[in-house]
Amino acid sequence: NGGASPPGEPQAAGRIGGEFMADEISFSNGGASPPGEPQAAGRFRTLVKWRDGGATLWTDTDRVTDVSFSRDDATGIVSATIRAVGGTTDTSREVADAARRDGSPHLSTEGAPLFAMTARLSIAPDCAEVLAEIVSVENISPAPLHVERVFMRPFAVEASPKGIPVAKNLYGPPHEGGWILADGRRFIAITHDRASCSFPFYISGDGVQHPDAPFTEDAPFEIAPGQTWTPSSPMGALLKEATDSHR
C-alpha cells in the first residue's frame, strides 16, 4: 500500500509474492459519517477461463510479481497497477481444506506459470469506492493460450460470509454481487454496463466463495507465446462497502 489513500478514503494493501492482488481492501464504515478507521472488507484477484485441448480450466492468479503506483495531478486519483502470475492453480478442483475457503488458491506441486494478468485499483479523493480494472493478459508459456473469458474475483476478507440474494432481472444479468460479513457490513462489486460484465456470486455447498465477475469479449481468443492481450473496451467495476442503511 505504498500509494495509500488519506484517512477516511478506501485503502488497499498487498505484497510482492502474495496470493492476492490486494490482501485487504478497507473502507470507513460503509459511508457512515463521521468516517472511522478503515476496516478490511474484501480481497481481490483475477482469473482466466481457458482451454487445454478438450478441457476447460479456471485458473487464478496466485503470485504478485510487481506493483507500481501513480497519481494523476489533475484529478488526485491514486492508482496501483498490479501484475500477478497464474498457472499452478486449477479452481475447478474441489476444495478439501477449510482453511482454503477464503479464496486462497489450490497450489499445485508442478507446473510453471502460464500467464500474467495486470489489474489496476484506483481511488479518487472524497470517493468511497474503488475502481477495479483488468488491464491485460500476457502469455508467458511456450504454447498458445486459448482464452474463453477473463474474470475479476472480489472475495470477502473473512472465510465464511453470506451471499447477498440477487433478484432475477428480466433485462439482463445481475449488475452487482457481494457478500454480507459477520458484522453486517456488505462488500459489493457493481457495474452499470450489464452487457460487458455480470456478477453471479455464490457460495458452493462446501462453503467456498465464488465471486465470479466475468467480462465479455466478442469471442474466445488466442494469445501467442510472449504476446500480451488488452481488452477491446474498458473492463472495470466499482468495489464498495455498504450497510443496510447505506446501500
C-alpha atoms as a PDB file:
ATOM      1  CA  ASN A   1       0.000   0.000   0.000  1.00  0.00           C
ATOM      2  CA  GLY A   2       2.802   2.428  -0.898  1.00  0.00           C
ATOM      3  CA  GLY A   3       0.219   4.677  -2.533  1.00  0.00           C
ATOM      4  CA  ALA A   4      -2.087   4.669   0.472  1.00  0.00           C
ATOM      5  CA  SER A   5      -5.063   6.999   0.320  1.00  0.00           C
ATOM      6  CA  PRO A   6      -5.811   9.617   3.018  1.00  0.00           C
ATOM      7  CA  PRO A   7      -7.684   8.600   6.187  1.00  0.00           C
ATOM      8  CA  GLY A   8     -11.411   8.193   5.570  1.00  0.00           C
ATOM      9  CA  GLU A   9     -10.961   7.016   1.985  1.00  0.00           C
ATOM     10  CA  PRO A  10     -10.720   3.376   0.877  1.00  0.00           C
ATOM     11  CA  GLN A  11      -7.355   1.689   1.237  1.00  0.00           C
ATOM     12  CA  ALA A  12      -5.790  -1.333  -0.451  1.00  0.00           C
ATOM     13  CA  ALA A  13      -2.922  -3.400   0.935  1.00  0.00           C
ATOM     14  CA  GLY A  14      -0.914  -6.251  -0.542  1.00  0.00           C
ATOM     15  CA  ARG A  15       2.607  -7.523  -1.041  1.00  0.00           C
ATOM     16  CA  ILE A  16       5.001  -8.805  -3.653  1.00  0.00           C
ATOM     17  CA  GLY A  17       4.770 -12.597  -3.607  1.00  0.00           C
ATOM     18  CA  GLY A  18       1.289 -12.509  -2.122  1.00  0.00           C
ATOM     19  CA  GLU A  19      -1.514 -14.748  -3.361  1.00  0.00           C
ATOM     20  CA  PHE A  20      -3.957 -11.864  -3.826  1.00  0.00           C
ATOM     21  CA  MET A  21      -3.512  -8.703  -5.873  1.00  0.00           C
ATOM     22  CA  ALA A  22      -4.974  -6.995  -2.811  1.00  0.00           C
ATOM     23  CA  ASP A  23      -4.873  -8.878   0.501  1.00  0.00           C
ATOM     24  CA  GLU A  24      -7.167  -6.288   2.081  1.00  0.00           C
ATOM     25  CA  ILE A  25      -9.482  -3.639   0.679  1.00  0.00           C
ATOM     26  CA  SER A  26     -10.645  -1.446   3.534  1.00  0.00           C
ATOM     27  CA  PHE A  27     -13.453   1.074   3.854  1.00  0.00           C
ATOM     28  CA  SER A  28     -14.641   3.511   6.517  1.00  0.00           C
ATOM     29  CA  ASN A  29     -17.927   2.333   7.976  1.00  0.00           C
ATOM     30  CA  GLY A  30     -19.799   1.845   4.734  1.00  0.00           C
ATOM     31  CA  GLY A  31     -20.238   5.533   4.079  1.00  0.00           C
ATOM     32  CA  ALA A  32     -21.226   6.392   7.648  1.00  0.00           C
ATOM     33  CA  SER A  33     -20.444   9.883   8.928  1.00  0.00           C
ATOM     34  CA  PRO A  34     -18.097  10.711  10.501  1.00  0.00           C
ATOM     35  CA  PRO A  35     -15.845   8.032   8.981  1.00  0.00           C
ATOM     36  CA  GLY A  36     -13.972   5.745  11.324  1.00  0.00           C
ATOM     37  CA  GLU A  37     -10.812   3.742  10.937  1.00  0.00           C
ATOM     38  CA  PRO A  38     -10.912   1.776   7.682  1.00  0.00           C
ATOM     39  CA  GLN A  39     -11.915  -1.838   8.204  1.00  0.00           C
ATOM     40  CA  ALA A  40     -10.940  -4.613   5.799  1.00  0.00           C
ATOM     41  CA  ALA A  41     -13.905  -5.950   3.849  1.00  0.00           C
ATOM     42  CA  GLY A  42     -12.569  -7.636   0.757  1.00  0.00           C
ATOM     43  CA  ARG A  43      -9.741  -9.173  -1.218  1.00  0.00           C
ATOM     44  CA  PHE A  44      -9.078  -9.082  -4.924  1.00  0.00           C
ATOM     45  CA  ARG A  45      -7.574 -11.273  -7.615  1.00  0.00           C
ATOM     46  CA  THR A  46      -8.198 -12.189 -11.248  1.00  0.00           C
ATOM     47  CA  LEU A  47      -8.775 -15.390 -13.206  1.00  0.00           C
ATOM     48  CA  VAL A  48      -8.590 -16.765 -16.748  1.00  0.00           C
ATOM     49  CA  LYS A  49     -11.019 -19.327 -18.140  1.00  0.00           C
ATOM     50  CA  TRP A  50      -9.078 -21.168 -20.836  1.00  0.00           C
ATOM     51  CA  ARG A  51      -8.994 -24.358 -22.851  1.00  0.00           C
ATOM     52  CA  ASP A  52      -6.323 -27.038 -22.783  1.00  0.00           C
ATOM     53  CA  GLY A  53      -7.222 -29.426 -25.579  1.00  0.00           C
ATOM     54  CA  GLY A  54     -10.717 -30.623 -24.753  1.00  0.00           C
ATOM     55  CA  ALA A  55     -10.598 -29.467 -21.123  1.00  0.00           C
ATOM     56  CA  THR A  56     -11.928 -26.156 -19.834  1.00  0.00           C
ATOM     57  CA  LEU A  57      -9.946 -24.767 -16.883  1.00  0.00           C
ATOM     58  CA  TRP A  58     -10.435 -21.853 -14.483  1.00  0.00           C
ATOM     59  CA  THR A  59      -7.070 -20.578 -13.277  1.00  0.00           C
ATOM     60  CA  ASP A  60      -6.484 -17.843 -10.694  1.00  0.00           C
ATOM     61  CA  THR A  61      -3.536 -15.564 -10.486  1.00  0.00           C
ATOM     62  CA  ASP A  62      -1.693 -16.761  -7.384  1.00  0.00           C
ATOM     63  CA  ARG A  63       1.520 -14.740  -7.010  1.00  0.00           C
ATOM     64  CA  VAL A  64       2.036 -10.992  -7.258  1.00  0.00           C
ATOM     65  CA  THR A  65       5.236 -10.143  -9.121  1.00  0.00           C
ATOM     66  CA  ASP A  66       5.155  -6.364  -9.497  1.00  0.00           C
ATOM     67  CA  VAL A  67       3.277  -3.316  -8.196  1.00  0.00           C
ATOM     68  CA  SER A  68       3.608   0.294  -9.311  1.00  0.00           C
ATOM     69  CA  PHE A  69       1.845   3.429  -8.093  1.00  0.00           C
ATOM     70  CA  SER A  70       0.808   6.584  -9.882  1.00  0.00           C
ATOM     71  CA  ARG A  71      -1.058   9.793  -9.085  1.00  0.00           C
ATOM     72  CA  ASP A  72      -2.951  11.964 -11.536  1.00  0.00           C
ATOM     73  CA  ASP A  73      -2.117  15.523 -10.529  1.00  0.00           C
ATOM     74  CA  ALA A  74      -5.188  16.877 -12.315  1.00  0.00           C
ATOM     75  CA  THR A  75      -7.709  14.674 -10.522  1.00  0.00           C
ATOM     76  CA  GLY A  76      -5.808  13.419  -7.473  1.00  0.00           C
ATOM     77  CA  ILE A  77      -6.648   9.804  -8.376  1.00  0.00           C
ATOM     78  CA  VAL A  78      -4.172   7.305  -6.913  1.00  0.00           C
ATOM     79  CA  SER A  79      -3.761   4.011  -8.784  1.00  0.00           C
ATOM     80  CA  ALA A  80      -1.951   0.766  -8.028  1.00  0.00           C
ATOM     81  CA  THR A  81      -1.094  -1.288 -11.106  1.00  0.00           C
ATOM     82  CA  ILE A  82      -0.563  -4.910 -10.070  1.00  0.00           C
ATOM     83  CA  ARG A  83       0.903  -7.777 -12.076  1.00  0.00           C
ATOM     84  CA  ALA A  84       0.391 -11.361 -10.920  1.00  0.00           C
ATOM     85  CA  VAL A  85       1.085 -14.740 -12.481  1.00  0.00           C
ATOM     86  CA  GLY A  86      -1.078 -17.842 -12.616  1.00  0.00           C
ATOM     87  CA  GLY A  87      -0.956 -21.340 -13.975  1.00  0.00           C
ATOM     88  CA  THR A  88      -0.221 -23.539 -10.970  1.00  0.00           C
ATOM     89  CA  THR A  89      -3.872 -23.315  -9.933  1.00  0.00           C
ATOM     90  CA  ASP A  90      -6.970 -25.031 -11.231  1.00  0.00           C
ATOM     91  CA  THR A  91     -10.046 -23.685  -9.440  1.00  0.00           C
ATOM     92  CA  SER A  92     -12.269 -26.365 -10.943  1.00  0.00           C
ATOM     93  CA  ARG A  93     -10.888 -28.774  -8.340  1.00  0.00           C
ATOM     94  CA  GLU A  94     -12.919 -29.487  -5.239  1.00  0.00           C
ATOM     95  CA  VAL A  95     -11.781 -27.639  -2.122  1.00  0.00           C
ATOM     96  CA  ALA A  96     -10.978 -30.092   0.640  1.00  0.00           C
ATOM     97  CA  ASP A  97      -9.196 -27.858   3.141  1.00  0.00           C
ATOM     98  CA  ALA A  98     -11.476 -25.494   5.074  1.00  0.00           C
ATOM     99  CA  ALA A  99      -8.542 -23.130   5.542  1.00  0.00           C
ATOM    100  CA  ARG A 100      -8.628 -22.516   1.778  1.00  0.00           C
ATOM    101  CA  ARG A 101     -12.240 -21.357   1.747  1.00  0.00           C
ATOM    102  CA  ASP A 102     -11.241 -17.698   1.990  1.00  0.00           C
ATOM    103  CA  GLY A 103     -10.274 -17.763  -1.667  1.00  0.00           C
ATOM    104  CA  SER A 104      -6.706 -18.972  -1.302  1.00  0.00           C
ATOM    105  CA  PRO A 105      -5.697 -20.979  -4.353  1.00  0.00           C
ATOM    106  CA  HIS A 106      -5.195 -24.705  -4.757  1.00  0.00           C
ATOM    107  CA  LEU A 107      -1.421 -24.690  -5.165  1.00  0.00           C
ATOM    108  CA  SER A 108      -0.025 -27.374  -7.418  1.00  0.00           C
ATOM    109  CA  THR A 109       3.290 -29.071  -6.800  1.00  0.00           C
ATOM    110  CA  GLU A 110       4.066 -28.970 -10.515  1.00  0.00           C
ATOM    111  CA  GLY A 111       3.825 -26.538 -13.401  1.00  0.00           C
ATOM    112  CA  ALA A 112       5.234 -23.166 -14.355  1.00  0.00           C
ATOM    113  CA  PRO A 113       3.075 -20.037 -14.660  1.00  0.00           C
ATOM    114  CA  LEU A 114       1.037 -19.931 -17.847  1.00  0.00           C
ATOM    115  CA  PHE A 115       0.116 -16.283 -17.883  1.00  0.00           C
ATOM    116  CA  ALA A 116       0.432 -12.937 -16.159  1.00  0.00           C
ATOM    117  CA  MET A 117      -2.520 -10.629 -15.576  1.00  0.00           C
ATOM    118  CA  THR A 118      -2.325  -6.942 -14.828  1.00  0.00           C
ATOM    119  CA  ALA A 119      -5.079  -5.165 -12.923  1.00  0.00           C
ATOM    120  CA  ARG A 120      -5.436  -1.616 -11.667  1.00  0.00           C
ATOM    121  CA  LEU A 121      -7.084  -0.408  -8.442  1.00  0.00           C
ATOM    122  CA  SER A 122      -7.840   3.327  -8.351  1.00  0.00           C
ATOM    123  CA  ILE A 123      -9.073   5.592  -5.557  1.00  0.00           C
ATOM    124  CA  ALA A 124     -10.297   9.138  -6.132  1.00  0.00           C
ATOM    125  CA  PRO A 125     -10.341  11.906  -3.493  1.00  0.00           C
ATOM    126  CA  ASP A 126     -13.545  12.040  -1.445  1.00  0.00           C
ATOM    127  CA  CYS A 127     -14.796   8.868  -3.137  1.00  0.00           C
ATOM    128  CA  ALA A 128     -15.996   5.903  -1.069  1.00  0.00           C
ATOM    129  CA  GLU A 129     -15.447   3.375  -3.867  1.00  0.00           C
ATOM    130  CA  VAL A 130     -12.509   1.605  -5.512  1.00  0.00           C
ATOM    131  CA  LEU A 131     -12.397   1.277  -9.291  1.00  0.00           C
ATOM    132  CA  ALA A 132     -11.011  -2.148 -10.238  1.00  0.00           C
ATOM    133  CA  GLU A 133      -9.955  -2.722 -13.838  1.00  0.00           C
ATOM    134  CA  ILE A 134      -8.461  -5.550 -15.872  1.00  0.00           C
ATOM    135  CA  VAL A 135      -5.588  -4.110 -17.902  1.00  0.00           C
ATOM    136  CA  SER A 136      -4.045  -7.050 -19.784  1.00  0.00           C
ATOM    137  CA  VAL A 137      -3.279 -10.773 -20.030  1.00  0.00           C
ATOM    138  CA  GLU A 138       0.215 -11.864 -21.065  1.00  0.00           C
ATOM    139  CA  ASN A 139       1.048 -15.377 -22.273  1.00  0.00           C
ATOM    140  CA  ILE A 140       4.316 -16.367 -20.586  1.00  0.00           C
ATOM    141  CA  SER A 141       4.108 -20.040 -21.569  1.00  0.00           C
ATOM    142  CA  PRO A 142       5.751 -21.685 -24.609  1.00  0.00           C
ATOM    143  CA  ALA A 143       2.371 -22.612 -26.151  1.00  0.00           C
ATOM    144  CA  PRO A 144      -0.622 -20.575 -27.366  1.00  0.00           C
ATOM    145  CA  LEU A 145      -3.094 -19.654 -24.617  1.00  0.00           C
ATOM    146  CA  HIS A 146      -6.708 -20.228 -25.653  1.00  0.00           C
ATOM    147  CA  VAL A 147      -8.802 -17.815 -23.557  1.00  0.00           C
ATOM    148  CA  GLU A 148     -12.572 -18.076 -23.213  1.00  0.00           C
ATOM    149  CA  ARG A 149     -13.255 -15.417 -20.546  1.00  0.00           C
ATOM    150  CA  VAL A 150     -11.393 -13.190 -18.123  1.00  0.00           C
ATOM    151  CA  PHE A 151     -12.669 -12.637 -14.584  1.00  0.00           C
ATOM    152  CA  MET A 152     -12.346 -10.357 -11.612  1.00  0.00           C
ATOM    153  CA  ARG A 153     -12.738 -12.092  -8.255  1.00  0.00           C
ATOM    154  CA  PRO A 154     -13.676  -9.822  -5.319  1.00  0.00           C
ATOM    155  CA  PHE A 155     -13.577 -12.110  -2.264  1.00  0.00           C
ATOM    156  CA  ALA A 156     -14.841 -11.251   1.201  1.00  0.00           C
ATOM    157  CA  VAL A 157     -11.961 -10.872   3.619  1.00  0.00           C
ATOM    158  CA  GLU A 158     -13.475 -13.398   6.025  1.00  0.00           C
ATOM    159  CA  ALA A 159     -13.749 -17.090   5.258  1.00  0.00           C
ATOM    160  CA  SER A 160     -17.498 -17.622   5.653  1.00  0.00           C
ATOM    161  CA  PRO A 161     -19.578 -14.640   4.551  1.00  0.00           C
ATOM    162  CA  LYS A 162     -23.186 -14.831   3.431  1.00  0.00           C
ATOM    163  CA  GLY A 163     -24.088 -14.232  -0.181  1.00  0.00           C
ATOM    164  CA  ILE A 164     -26.359 -11.301  -0.976  1.00  0.00           C
ATOM    165  CA  PRO A 165     -29.522 -12.590  -2.669  1.00  0.00           C
ATOM    166  CA  VAL A 166     -29.901 -11.118  -6.148  1.00  0.00           C
ATOM    167  CA  ALA A 167     -33.359 -10.914  -7.684  1.00  0.00           C
ATOM    168  CA  LYS A 168     -33.658 -12.249 -11.204  1.00  0.00           C
ATOM    169  CA  ASN A 169     -33.536  -9.463 -13.756  1.00  0.00           C
ATOM    170  CA  LEU A 170     -35.631  -9.754 -16.888  1.00  0.00           C
ATOM    171  CA  TYR A 171     -33.426  -7.284 -18.719  1.00  0.00           C
ATOM    172  CA  GLY A 172     -30.031  -8.890 -18.281  1.00  0.00           C
ATOM    173  CA  PRO A 173     -27.559 -10.473 -15.865  1.00  0.00           C
ATOM    174  CA  PRO A 174     -27.064  -9.126 -12.319  1.00  0.00           C
ATOM    175  CA  HIS A 175     -25.295  -5.773 -12.271  1.00  0.00           C
ATOM    176  CA  GLU A 176     -23.993  -6.285  -8.747  1.00  0.00           C
ATOM    177  CA  GLY A 177     -22.861  -9.063  -6.452  1.00  0.00           C
ATOM    178  CA  GLY A 178     -21.492  -9.166  -2.974  1.00  0.00           C
ATOM    179  CA  TRP A 179     -21.063 -10.602   0.475  1.00  0.00           C
ATOM    180  CA  ILE A 180     -22.528  -9.941   3.921  1.00  0.00           C
ATOM    181  CA  LEU A 181     -19.846 -10.006   6.618  1.00  0.00           C
ATOM    182  CA  ALA A 182     -20.346 -11.220  10.180  1.00  0.00           C
ATOM    183  CA  ASP A 183     -20.705  -7.645  11.490  1.00  0.00           C
ATOM    184  CA  GLY A 184     -23.418  -6.813   8.943  1.00  0.00           C
ATOM    185  CA  ARG A 185     -21.260  -4.873   6.504  1.00  0.00           C
ATOM    186  CA  ARG A 186     -21.610  -5.663   2.807  1.00  0.00           C
ATOM    187  CA  PHE A 187     -18.750  -5.904   0.323  1.00  0.00           C
ATOM    188  CA  ILE A 188     -20.192  -5.222  -3.117  1.00  0.00           C
ATOM    189  CA  ALA A 189     -18.997  -5.147  -6.718  1.00  0.00           C
ATOM    190  CA  ILE A 190     -21.155  -3.169  -9.128  1.00  0.00           C
ATOM    191  CA  THR A 191     -21.262  -2.073 -12.763  1.00  0.00           C
ATOM    192  CA  HIS A 192     -23.661  -0.025 -14.850  1.00  0.00           C
ATOM    193  CA  ASP A 193     -22.683  -1.847 -18.040  1.00  0.00           C
ATOM    194  CA  ARG A 194     -24.581  -5.142 -17.846  1.00  0.00           C
ATOM    195  CA  ALA A 195     -23.617  -6.042 -21.407  1.00  0.00           C
ATOM    196  CA  SER A 196     -19.926  -6.381 -20.577  1.00  0.00           C
ATOM    197  CA  CYS A 197     -19.860  -7.817 -17.041  1.00  0.00           C
ATOM    198  CA  SER A 198     -22.097  -9.748 -14.653  1.00  0.00           C
ATOM    199  CA  PHE A 199     -21.784 -10.889 -11.046  1.00  0.00           C
ATOM    200  CA  PRO A 200     -23.037 -14.443 -10.498  1.00  0.00           C
ATOM    201  CA  PHE A 201     -21.568 -14.586  -6.966  1.00  0.00           C
ATOM    202  CA  TYR A 202     -22.428 -17.641  -4.879  1.00  0.00           C
ATOM    203  CA  ILE A 203     -21.165 -19.933  -2.124  1.00  0.00           C
ATOM    204  CA  SER A 204     -20.962 -23.596  -3.051  1.00  0.00           C
ATOM    205  CA  GLY A 205     -22.176 -26.423  -0.857  1.00  0.00           C
ATOM    206  CA  ASP A 206     -18.708 -26.911   0.634  1.00  0.00           C
ATOM    207  CA  GLY A 207     -18.615 -23.293   1.814  1.00  0.00           C
ATOM    208  CA  VAL A 208     -16.314 -21.907  -0.882  1.00  0.00           C
ATOM    209  CA  GLN A 209     -16.737 -18.334  -2.117  1.00  0.00           C
ATOM    210  CA  HIS A 210     -17.241 -17.948  -5.868  1.00  0.00           C
ATOM    211  CA  PRO A 211     -17.068 -14.185  -6.521  1.00  0.00           C
ATOM    212  CA  ASP A 212     -17.100 -14.598 -10.277  1.00  0.00           C
ATOM    213  CA  ALA A 213     -17.262 -11.402 -12.326  1.00  0.00           C
ATOM    214  CA  PRO A 214     -16.772 -12.483 -15.953  1.00  0.00           C
ATOM    215  CA  PHE A 215     -16.194  -9.937 -18.692  1.00  0.00           C
ATOM    216  CA  THR A 216     -17.328 -10.434 -22.253  1.00  0.00           C
ATOM    217  CA  GLU A 217     -15.279 -10.156 -25.406  1.00  0.00           C
ATOM    218  CA  ASP A 218     -16.730 -10.702 -28.886  1.00  0.00           C
ATOM    219  CA  ALA A 219     -15.468 -14.299 -28.949  1.00  0.00           C
ATOM    220  CA  PRO A 220     -12.855 -16.588 -27.369  1.00  0.00           C
ATOM    221  CA  PHE A 221      -9.361 -15.564 -28.396  1.00  0.00           C
ATOM    222  CA  GLU A 222      -5.822 -16.890 -28.570  1.00  0.00           C
ATOM    223  CA  ILE A 223      -2.671 -15.262 -27.170  1.00  0.00           C
ATOM    224  CA  ALA A 224       0.573 -16.338 -28.811  1.00  0.00           C
ATOM    225  CA  PRO A 225       3.618 -17.107 -26.628  1.00  0.00           C
ATOM    226  CA  GLY A 226       5.254 -13.913 -25.438  1.00  0.00           C
ATOM    227  CA  GLN A 227       2.331 -11.736 -26.554  1.00  0.00           C
ATOM    228  CA  THR A 228       0.022  -9.541 -24.463  1.00  0.00           C
ATOM    229  CA  TRP A 229      -3.722  -9.096 -24.938  1.00  0.00           C
ATOM    230  CA  THR A 230      -5.585  -5.935 -23.910  1.00  0.00           C
ATOM    231  CA  PRO A 231      -9.384  -5.577 -23.751  1.00  0.00           C
ATOM    232  CA  SER A 232     -11.185  -4.104 -26.739  1.00  0.00           C
ATOM    233  CA  SER A 233     -13.148  -1.908 -24.319  1.00  0.00           C
ATOM    234  CA  PRO A 234     -12.622  -0.993 -20.644  1.00  0.00           C
ATOM    235  CA  MET A 235     -13.159  -3.851 -18.189  1.00  0.00           C
ATOM    236  CA  GLY A 236     -13.935  -2.359 -14.806  1.00  0.00           C
ATOM    237  CA  ALA A 237     -16.240  -2.456 -11.796  1.00  0.00           C
ATOM    238  CA  LEU A 238     -16.655  -0.481  -8.604  1.00  0.00           C
ATOM    239  CA  LEU A 239     -15.883  -2.123  -5.265  1.00  0.00           C
ATOM    240  CA  LYS A 240     -17.708  -0.602  -2.316  1.00  0.00           C
ATOM    241  CA  GLU A 241     -18.873  -1.213   1.209  1.00  0.00           C
ATOM    242  CA  ALA A 242     -22.416  -0.756   2.418  1.00  0.00           C
ATOM    243  CA  THR A 243     -24.556  -1.347   5.467  1.00  0.00           C
ATOM    244  CA  ASP A 244     -28.292  -1.929   5.500  1.00  0.00           C
ATOM    245  CA  SER A 245     -28.786   1.837   5.871  1.00  0.00           C
ATOM    246  CA  HIS A 246     -26.104   2.826   3.324  1.00  0.00           C
ATOM    247  CA  ARG A 247     -26.661   0.814   0.139  1.00  0.00           C
END
